C-alpha atoms as a PDB file:
ATOM      1  CA  MET A   1      93.417 111.824 118.961  1.00  0.00           C
ATOM      2  CA  GLN A   2      90.708 113.709 117.085  1.00  0.00           C
ATOM      3  CA  ALA A   3      88.211 111.855 114.952  1.00  0.00           C
ATOM      4  CA  GLN A   4      88.370 112.844 111.309  1.00  0.00           C
ATOM      5  CA  GLN A   5      85.419 114.705 109.890  1.00  0.00           C
ATOM      6  CA  ALA A   6      83.367 113.051 107.211  1.00  0.00           C
ATOM      7  CA  TYR A   7      84.158 114.333 103.763  1.00  0.00           C
ATOM      8  CA  ASP A   8      81.901 117.098 102.551  1.00  0.00           C
ATOM      9  CA  ALA A   9      81.784 116.963  98.730  1.00  0.00           C
ATOM     10  CA  GLY A  10      80.173 120.367  98.589  1.00  0.00           C
ATOM     11  CA  ARG A  11      83.250 122.396  99.550  1.00  0.00           C
ATOM     12  CA  PRO A  12      84.525 124.384  96.549  1.00  0.00           C
ATOM     13  CA  THR A  13      88.147 124.061  97.641  1.00  0.00           C
ATOM     14  CA  ASP A  14      87.895 120.285  97.437  1.00  0.00           C
ATOM     15  CA  TRP A  15      86.487 120.474  93.917  1.00  0.00           C
ATOM     16  CA  PHE A  16      89.355 122.706  92.878  1.00  0.00           C
ATOM     17  CA  SER A  17      91.912 120.403  94.445  1.00  0.00           C
ATOM     18  CA  GLY A  18      90.337 117.532  92.513  1.00  0.00           C
ATOM     19  CA  LEU A  19      90.924 119.471  89.320  1.00  0.00           C
ATOM     20  CA  GLU A  20      94.673 119.183  89.823  1.00  0.00           C
ATOM     21  CA  LEU A  21      94.712 115.527  88.868  1.00  0.00           C
ATOM     22  CA  PRO A  22      93.764 115.818  85.173  1.00  0.00           C
ATOM     23  CA  PHE A  23      96.179 118.742  84.730  1.00  0.00           C
ATOM     24  CA  LEU A  24      98.965 116.864  86.528  1.00  0.00           C
ATOM     25  CA  LEU A  25      98.389 113.834  84.323  1.00  0.00           C
ATOM     26  CA  LEU A  26      98.574 116.095  81.267  1.00  0.00           C
ATOM     27  CA  ALA A  27     101.843 117.540  82.538  1.00  0.00           C
ATOM     28  CA  VAL A  28     103.278 114.016  82.997  1.00  0.00           C
ATOM     29  CA  PHE A  29     102.111 113.020  79.501  1.00  0.00           C
ATOM     30  CA  PHE A  30     103.693 116.060  77.836  1.00  0.00           C
ATOM     31  CA  ALA A  31     106.882 115.748  79.912  1.00  0.00           C
ATOM     32  CA  PHE A  32     107.405 112.198  78.566  1.00  0.00           C
ATOM     33  CA  ARG A  33     106.404 113.307  75.085  1.00  0.00           C
ATOM     34  CA  THR A  34     108.890 116.169  75.177  1.00  0.00           C
ATOM     35  CA  ALA A  35     111.646 113.890  76.479  1.00  0.00           C
ATOM     36  CA  THR A  36     110.955 111.475  73.601  1.00  0.00           C
ATOM     37  CA  ALA A  37     110.977 114.286  71.056  1.00  0.00           C
ATOM     38  CA  LEU A  38     114.365 115.479  72.314  1.00  0.00           C
ATOM     39  CA  LYS A  39     115.803 111.991  71.492  1.00  0.00           C
ATOM     40  CA  GLY A  40     118.329 111.733  74.266  1.00  0.00           C
ATOM     41  CA  GLY A  41     121.213 114.102  74.757  1.00  0.00           C
ATOM     42  CA  ALA A  42     121.546 116.275  77.804  1.00  0.00           C
ATOM     43  CA  PHE A  43     118.209 118.049  77.296  1.00  0.00           C
ATOM     44  CA  GLY A  44     116.388 114.813  76.628  1.00  0.00           C
ATOM     45  CA  LYS A  45     117.966 113.116  79.596  1.00  0.00           C
ATOM     46  CA  GLY A  46     117.082 116.035  81.832  1.00  0.00           C
ATOM     47  CA  MET A  47     113.507 116.125  80.581  1.00  0.00           C
ATOM     48  CA  LEU A  48     113.175 112.385  81.104  1.00  0.00           C
ATOM     49  CA  LEU A  49     114.357 112.713  84.709  1.00  0.00           C
ATOM     50  CA  LEU A  50     111.830 115.524  85.222  1.00  0.00           C
ATOM     51  CA  ALA A  51     109.104 113.415  83.661  1.00  0.00           C
ATOM     52  CA  TRP A  52     109.779 110.524  86.067  1.00  0.00           C
ATOM     53  CA  GLY A  53     109.793 112.979  88.959  1.00  0.00           C
ATOM     54  CA  PHE A  54     106.423 114.324  87.816  1.00  0.00           C
ATOM     55  CA  ALA A  55     105.074 110.768  87.510  1.00  0.00           C
ATOM     56  CA  VAL A  56     106.050 109.987  91.119  1.00  0.00           C
ATOM     57  CA  MET A  57     104.511 113.311  92.173  1.00  0.00           C
ATOM     58  CA  ALA A  58     101.301 112.495  90.301  1.00  0.00           C
ATOM     59  CA  ILE A  59     100.995 109.169  92.140  1.00  0.00           C
ATOM     60  CA  GLY A  60     101.519 111.002  95.426  1.00  0.00           C
ATOM     61  CA  HIS A  61      98.835 113.547  94.572  1.00  0.00           C
ATOM     62  CA  LEU A  62      96.437 110.764  93.612  1.00  0.00           C
ATOM     63  CA  LEU A  63      97.046 109.143  97.015  1.00  0.00           C
ATOM     64  CA  MET A  64      96.531 112.516  98.753  1.00  0.00           C
ATOM     65  CA  GLN A  65      93.216 113.013  96.968  1.00  0.00           C
ATOM     66  CA  ALA A  66      92.108 109.492  97.968  1.00  0.00           C
ATOM     67  CA  LYS A  67      92.929 110.300 101.582  1.00  0.00           C
ATOM     68  CA  MET A  68      91.173 113.676 101.463  1.00  0.00           C
ATOM     69  CA  MET A  69      88.082 112.764  99.474  1.00  0.00           C
ATOM     70  CA  LEU A  70      87.582 109.106 100.407  1.00  0.00           C
ATOM     71  CA  ASN A  71      89.249 109.122 103.792  1.00  0.00           C
ATOM     72  CA  MET A  72      91.341 106.214 102.540  1.00  0.00           C
ATOM     73  CA  ASP A  73      95.062 106.133 103.290  1.00  0.00           C
ATOM     74  CA  VAL A  74      96.144 103.612 100.671  1.00  0.00           C
ATOM     75  CA  LEU A  75      99.777 103.408 101.787  1.00  0.00           C
ATOM     76  CA  ALA A  76      98.771 102.743 105.373  1.00  0.00           C
ATOM     77  CA  MET A  77      96.234 100.152 104.285  1.00  0.00           C
ATOM     78  CA  VAL A  78      98.697  98.308 102.086  1.00  0.00           C
ATOM     79  CA  LEU A  79     101.948  98.766 103.956  1.00  0.00           C
ATOM     80  CA  GLY A  80     100.919  99.668 107.516  1.00  0.00           C
ATOM     81  CA  GLU A  81     101.125 103.016 109.263  1.00  0.00           C
ATOM     82  CA  SER A  82     104.897 103.178 109.860  1.00  0.00           C
ATOM     83  CA  PHE A  83     106.135 101.668 106.611  1.00  0.00           C
ATOM     84  CA  GLY A  84     103.511 103.613 104.619  1.00  0.00           C
ATOM     85  CA  ALA A  85     104.746 106.872 106.141  1.00  0.00           C
ATOM     86  CA  ALA A  86     108.344 105.874 105.365  1.00  0.00           C
ATOM     87  CA  VAL A  87     107.454 105.096 101.741  1.00  0.00           C
ATOM     88  CA  TRP A  88     105.760 108.480 101.475  1.00  0.00           C
ATOM     89  CA  ILE A  89     108.945 110.241 102.620  1.00  0.00           C
ATOM     90  CA  VAL A  90     111.065 108.198 100.217  1.00  0.00           C
ATOM     91  CA  ALA A  91     108.719 109.097  97.354  1.00  0.00           C
ATOM     92  CA  LEU A  92     109.094 112.780  98.202  1.00  0.00           C
ATOM     93  CA  VAL A  93     112.873 112.472  98.171  1.00  0.00           C
ATOM     94  CA  ILE A  94     112.715 110.612  94.837  1.00  0.00           C
ATOM     95  CA  THR A  95     110.504 113.340  93.373  1.00  0.00           C
ATOM     96  CA  TRP A  96     112.808 116.096  94.556  1.00  0.00           C
ATOM     97  CA  GLY A  97     115.946 114.196  93.513  1.00  0.00           C
ATOM     98  CA  LEU A  98     114.734 113.422  90.023  1.00  0.00           C
ATOM     99  CA  SER A  99     113.627 117.022  89.566  1.00  0.00           C
ATOM    100  CA  TRP A 100     116.961 118.318  90.781  1.00  0.00           C
ATOM    101  CA  LEU A 101     118.870 115.956  88.530  1.00  0.00           C
ATOM    102  CA  GLY A 102     116.704 116.813  85.529  1.00  0.00           C
ATOM    103  CA  PHE A 103     117.080 120.554  85.992  1.00  0.00           C
ATOM    104  CA  GLN A 104     120.819 120.112  86.636  1.00  0.00           C
ATOM    105  CA  SER A 105     121.196 118.206  83.370  1.00  0.00           C
ATOM    106  CA  ILE A 106     119.254 120.844  81.399  1.00  0.00           C
ATOM    107  CA  TYR A 107     121.202 123.658  83.097  1.00  0.00           C
ATOM    108  CA  LYS A 108     124.564 122.055  82.264  1.00  0.00           C
ATOM    109  CA  ALA A 109     123.459 121.509  78.664  1.00  0.00           C
ATOM    110  CA  SER A 110     122.311 125.105  78.304  1.00  0.00           C
ATOM    111  CA  LYS A 111     125.742 126.392  79.380  1.00  0.00           C
ATOM    112  CA  GLY A 112     127.347 124.551  76.451  1.00  0.00           C
END
């Protein structure tokens, strides 16, 4: 097993990857805001499902940044290696599932 390299804060690619978090949080904020403005219905329901999918994704990206920049695997620390990995996979499936359901709802509503 290879030892992980210490984090080098000077790499431009890492700074750019860190910029994703504020923009992702803005996307989550506006997704929930849009879902609220649509006040239910098929479009509102679809947007709400998308917003929850984005929220789960944002948490996952925050955890990825902690692992990359701080060398801290939060899920493994809290839940253990195996269960942490399983939770990660479940979160991915939840993100994809909510996104699919949201887009499906919006697609159905757009067809009339």
